[in-house]
Amino acid sequence: MDVTGQAFEDMQEQNSRLLQQLREKDDANFKLMSERIKSNQIYKLLKEEKEELADQVLTFKTQVDAQLLVVQKLEEKEGVLQTTLAALEKELAVRTQALELNKRKQAVEAAQLAEDLKVQLEHTQAKLKEIQVSVAENRTARERESSNLKRAQEDLSRLRRKLEKQKKVEVYSDADEILQEEINQYK
């Protein structure tokens, strides 16, 4: 009985230990199940997040590809614009040279024209002086002729008066009558 009691106690102790171990294993299993559920949920969330990220990566890849296409087109346009710019710069250089040559040519022509105009001015001034001298000579000659004309007119008028006196003398034989007639005229 002692041995059986002892064995029963040992068995009970072993049972209690086994129950304790079983509880601990159940707790551990429960914890593991909880952790597994949590990890499954986390895995599911991570999987969804991974899929979203994969979608985003795909979207970003398409955007990057589109942007690379745009960049490539812009680079092509830049190349075309660079070529156009180079051509325009060459044309500008050519036109600038032509403009400089034209300016020089016009400067030479302007200098030649100025020289010609200067010569013409000197020639015209010389002619003007000659004309002024000629005008002065003509004026003095006209003044002389005018004074000669006045003198001739005065002489003519004196001669007419004398002629009239002579006619009167012939008409009036008497000198008294002539003098009387002149007095009447003077009155």
Protein backbone atom coordinates (compact mmCIF):
# COMPACT_ATOMS: atom_id res chain seq x y z
CA MET A 1 0.00 0.00 0.00
CA ASP A 2 2.84 2.26 0.85
CA VAL A 3 4.45 1.38 -2.41
CA THR A 4 1.20 1.85 -4.28
CA GLY A 5 0.52 5.09 -2.37
CA GLN A 6 4.01 6.15 -3.09
CA ALA A 7 3.58 5.16 -6.73
CA PHE A 8 0.19 6.93 -6.79
CA GLU A 9 1.79 10.05 -5.31
CA ASP A 10 4.62 9.77 -7.76
CA MET A 11 2.10 9.29 -10.50
CA GLN A 12 0.10 12.24 -9.27
CA GLU A 13 3.25 14.27 -9.07
CA GLN A 14 4.19 13.10 -12.52
CA ASN A 15 0.63 13.79 -13.68
CA SER A 16 0.70 17.22 -12.16
CA ARG A 17 4.09 17.80 -13.79
CA LEU A 18 2.77 16.45 -17.05
CA LEU A 19 -0.37 18.57 -16.66
CA GLN A 20 1.86 21.52 -15.90
CA GLN A 21 3.95 20.66 -18.94
CA LEU A 22 0.76 20.15 -20.94
CA ARG A 23 -0.54 23.53 -19.80
CA GLU A 24 2.78 25.07 -20.61
CA LYS A 25 2.76 23.36 -24.02
CA ASP A 26 -0.86 24.43 -24.54
CA ASP A 27 0.13 27.98 -23.57
CA ALA A 28 3.12 27.70 -25.84
CA ASN A 29 0.92 26.22 -28.61
CA PHE A 30 -1.64 28.97 -28.00
CA LYS A 31 1.10 31.57 -28.16
CA LEU A 32 2.49 29.90 -31.26
CA MET A 33 -0.97 29.77 -32.81
CA SER A 34 -1.52 33.43 -31.92
CA GLU A 35 1.86 34.29 -33.31
CA ARG A 36 1.13 32.17 -36.37
CA ILE A 37 -2.21 33.94 -36.89
CA LYS A 38 -0.48 37.27 -36.36
CA SER A 39 2.35 36.27 -38.65
CA ASN A 40 -0.19 35.03 -41.24
CA GLN A 41 -1.99 38.37 -40.99
CA ILE A 42 1.33 40.23 -41.17
CA TYR A 43 2.32 37.99 -44.09
CA LYS A 44 -1.00 38.71 -45.79
CA LEU A 45 -0.59 42.46 -45.14
CA LEU A 46 3.01 42.34 -46.32
CA LYS A 47 1.95 40.36 -49.39
CA GLU A 48 -0.73 42.98 -50.16
CA GLU A 49 1.79 45.73 -49.51
CA LYS A 50 4.27 43.90 -51.74
CA GLU A 51 1.66 43.69 -54.49
CA GLU A 52 0.86 47.39 -54.06
CA LEU A 53 4.57 48.17 -54.13
CA ALA A 54 4.94 45.94 -57.21
CA ASP A 55 2.07 47.87 -58.83
CA GLN A 56 3.71 51.13 -57.83
CA VAL A 57 7.05 49.90 -59.16
CA LEU A 58 5.32 48.93 -62.40
CA THR A 59 3.62 52.35 -62.55
CA PHE A 60 6.91 54.06 -61.79
CA LYS A 61 8.61 51.95 -64.46
CA THR A 62 6.03 52.99 -67.04
CA GLN A 63 6.38 56.62 -65.89
CA VAL A 64 10.17 56.34 -66.05
CA ASP A 65 9.92 54.77 -69.51
CA ALA A 66 7.58 57.58 -70.61
CA GLN A 67 9.89 60.17 -69.11
CA LEU A 68 12.87 58.50 -70.77
CA LEU A 69 11.00 58.74 -74.06
CA VAL A 70 10.27 62.41 -73.38
CA VAL A 71 13.91 62.97 -72.40
CA GLN A 72 15.03 61.19 -75.57
CA LYS A 73 12.71 63.35 -77.69
CA LEU A 74 13.91 66.45 -75.86
CA GLU A 75 17.52 65.41 -76.46
CA GLU A 76 16.71 64.95 -80.16
CA LYS A 77 15.03 68.37 -80.21
CA GLU A 78 18.05 69.80 -78.40
CA GLY A 79 20.31 68.28 -81.05
CA VAL A 80 18.16 69.78 -83.81
CA LEU A 81 18.10 73.13 -81.99
CA GLN A 82 21.87 72.98 -81.48
CA THR A 83 22.30 72.33 -85.20
CA THR A 84 19.90 75.17 -86.02
CA LEU A 85 21.69 77.43 -83.55
CA ALA A 86 25.05 76.61 -85.10
CA ALA A 87 23.66 77.34 -88.58
CA LEU A 88 22.13 80.61 -87.35
CA GLU A 89 25.40 81.59 -85.68
CA LYS A 90 27.25 80.93 -88.94
CA GLU A 91 24.65 82.96 -90.85
CA LEU A 92 24.93 85.73 -88.25
CA ALA A 93 28.71 85.74 -88.66
CA VAL A 94 28.36 85.91 -92.45
CA ARG A 95 25.79 88.70 -92.21
CA THR A 96 27.92 90.56 -89.70
CA GLN A 97 30.87 90.37 -92.10
CA ALA A 98 28.65 91.52 -94.96
CA LEU A 99 27.35 94.35 -92.80
CA GLU A 100 30.90 95.39 -91.91
CA LEU A 101 31.93 95.29 -95.57
CA ASN A 102 28.82 97.28 -96.49
CA LYS A 103 29.58 99.82 -93.74
CA ARG A 104 33.15 100.18 -94.97
CA LYS A 105 31.95 100.51 -98.56
CA GLN A 106 29.37 103.12 -97.55
CA ALA A 107 32.00 104.95 -95.47
CA VAL A 108 34.32 105.06 -98.49
CA GLU A 109 31.45 106.17 -100.74
CA ALA A 110 30.39 108.78 -98.18
CA ALA A 111 33.96 110.07 -97.93
CA GLN A 112 34.20 110.22 -101.74
CA LEU A 113 30.79 111.95 -101.92
CA ALA A 114 31.87 114.40 -99.23
CA GLU A 115 35.04 115.13 -101.16
CA ASP A 116 33.06 115.60 -104.40
CA LEU A 117 30.59 117.87 -102.61
CA LYS A 118 33.47 119.85 -101.13
CA VAL A 119 34.98 120.33 -104.59
CA GLN A 120 31.55 121.32 -105.97
CA LEU A 121 31.07 123.73 -103.07
CA GLU A 122 34.43 125.37 -103.72
CA HIS A 123 33.63 125.59 -107.44
CA THR A 124 30.17 127.02 -106.69
CA GLN A 125 31.64 129.52 -104.24
CA ALA A 126 34.14 130.61 -106.88
CA LYS A 127 31.29 131.02 -109.42
CA LEU A 128 29.28 132.91 -106.80
CA LYS A 129 32.17 135.32 -106.28
CA GLU A 130 32.48 135.78 -110.03
CA ILE A 131 28.72 136.40 -110.30
CA GLN A 132 28.83 138.83 -107.38
CA VAL A 133 31.69 140.73 -109.05
CA SER A 134 29.74 140.68 -112.34
CA VAL A 135 26.57 141.87 -110.58
CA ALA A 136 28.51 144.68 -108.90
CA GLU A 137 30.02 145.69 -112.26
CA ASN A 138 26.57 145.54 -113.90
CA ARG A 139 25.11 147.66 -111.11
CA THR A 140 27.77 150.32 -111.46
CA ALA A 141 27.34 150.26 -115.27
CA ARG A 142 23.55 150.58 -114.84
CA GLU A 143 23.99 153.41 -112.38
CA ARG A 144 26.28 155.16 -114.86
CA GLU A 145 23.82 154.53 -117.67
CA SER A 146 20.98 155.70 -115.44
CA SER A 147 22.82 158.91 -114.61
CA ASN A 148 23.68 159.34 -118.31
CA LEU A 149 20.01 158.75 -119.15
CA LYS A 150 18.94 161.37 -116.60
CA ARG A 151 21.44 163.82 -118.00
CA ALA A 152 20.29 163.02 -121.52
CA GLN A 153 16.65 163.49 -120.45
CA GLU A 154 17.53 166.78 -118.77
CA ASP A 155 19.40 167.84 -121.90
CA LEU A 156 16.45 166.74 -124.00
CA SER A 157 14.03 168.69 -121.86
CA ARG A 158 16.29 171.79 -122.05
CA LEU A 159 16.54 171.42 -125.77
CA ARG A 160 12.77 171.09 -126.08
CA ARG A 161 12.29 174.25 -124.05
CA LYS A 162 14.77 176.02 -126.25
CA LEU A 163 12.96 174.65 -129.30
CA GLU A 164 9.67 175.90 -127.96
CA LYS A 165 11.23 179.29 -127.29
CA GLN A 166 12.47 179.28 -130.80
CA LYS A 167 9.07 178.38 -132.09
CA LYS A 168 7.53 181.08 -129.97
CA VAL A 169 10.06 183.55 -131.20
CA GLU A 170 9.14 182.64 -134.72
CA VAL A 171 5.44 182.78 -133.89
CA TYR A 172 5.72 186.05 -131.97
CA SER A 173 8.00 188.37 -133.63
CA ASP A 174 8.17 190.61 -130.77
CA ALA A 175 10.43 189.76 -127.82
CA ASP A 176 8.08 191.49 -125.42
CA GLU A 177 5.32 189.25 -126.46
CA ILE A 178 7.58 186.21 -125.92
CA LEU A 179 8.52 187.33 -122.46
CA GLN A 180 4.88 188.03 -121.67
CA GLU A 181 3.98 184.56 -122.88
CA GLU A 182 6.67 183.00 -120.66
CA ILE A 183 5.42 184.98 -117.67
CA ASN A 184 1.92 183.67 -118.40
CA GLN A 185 3.28 180.16 -118.55
CA TYR A 186 5.13 180.59 -115.30
CA LYS A 187 1.98 181.94 -113.64
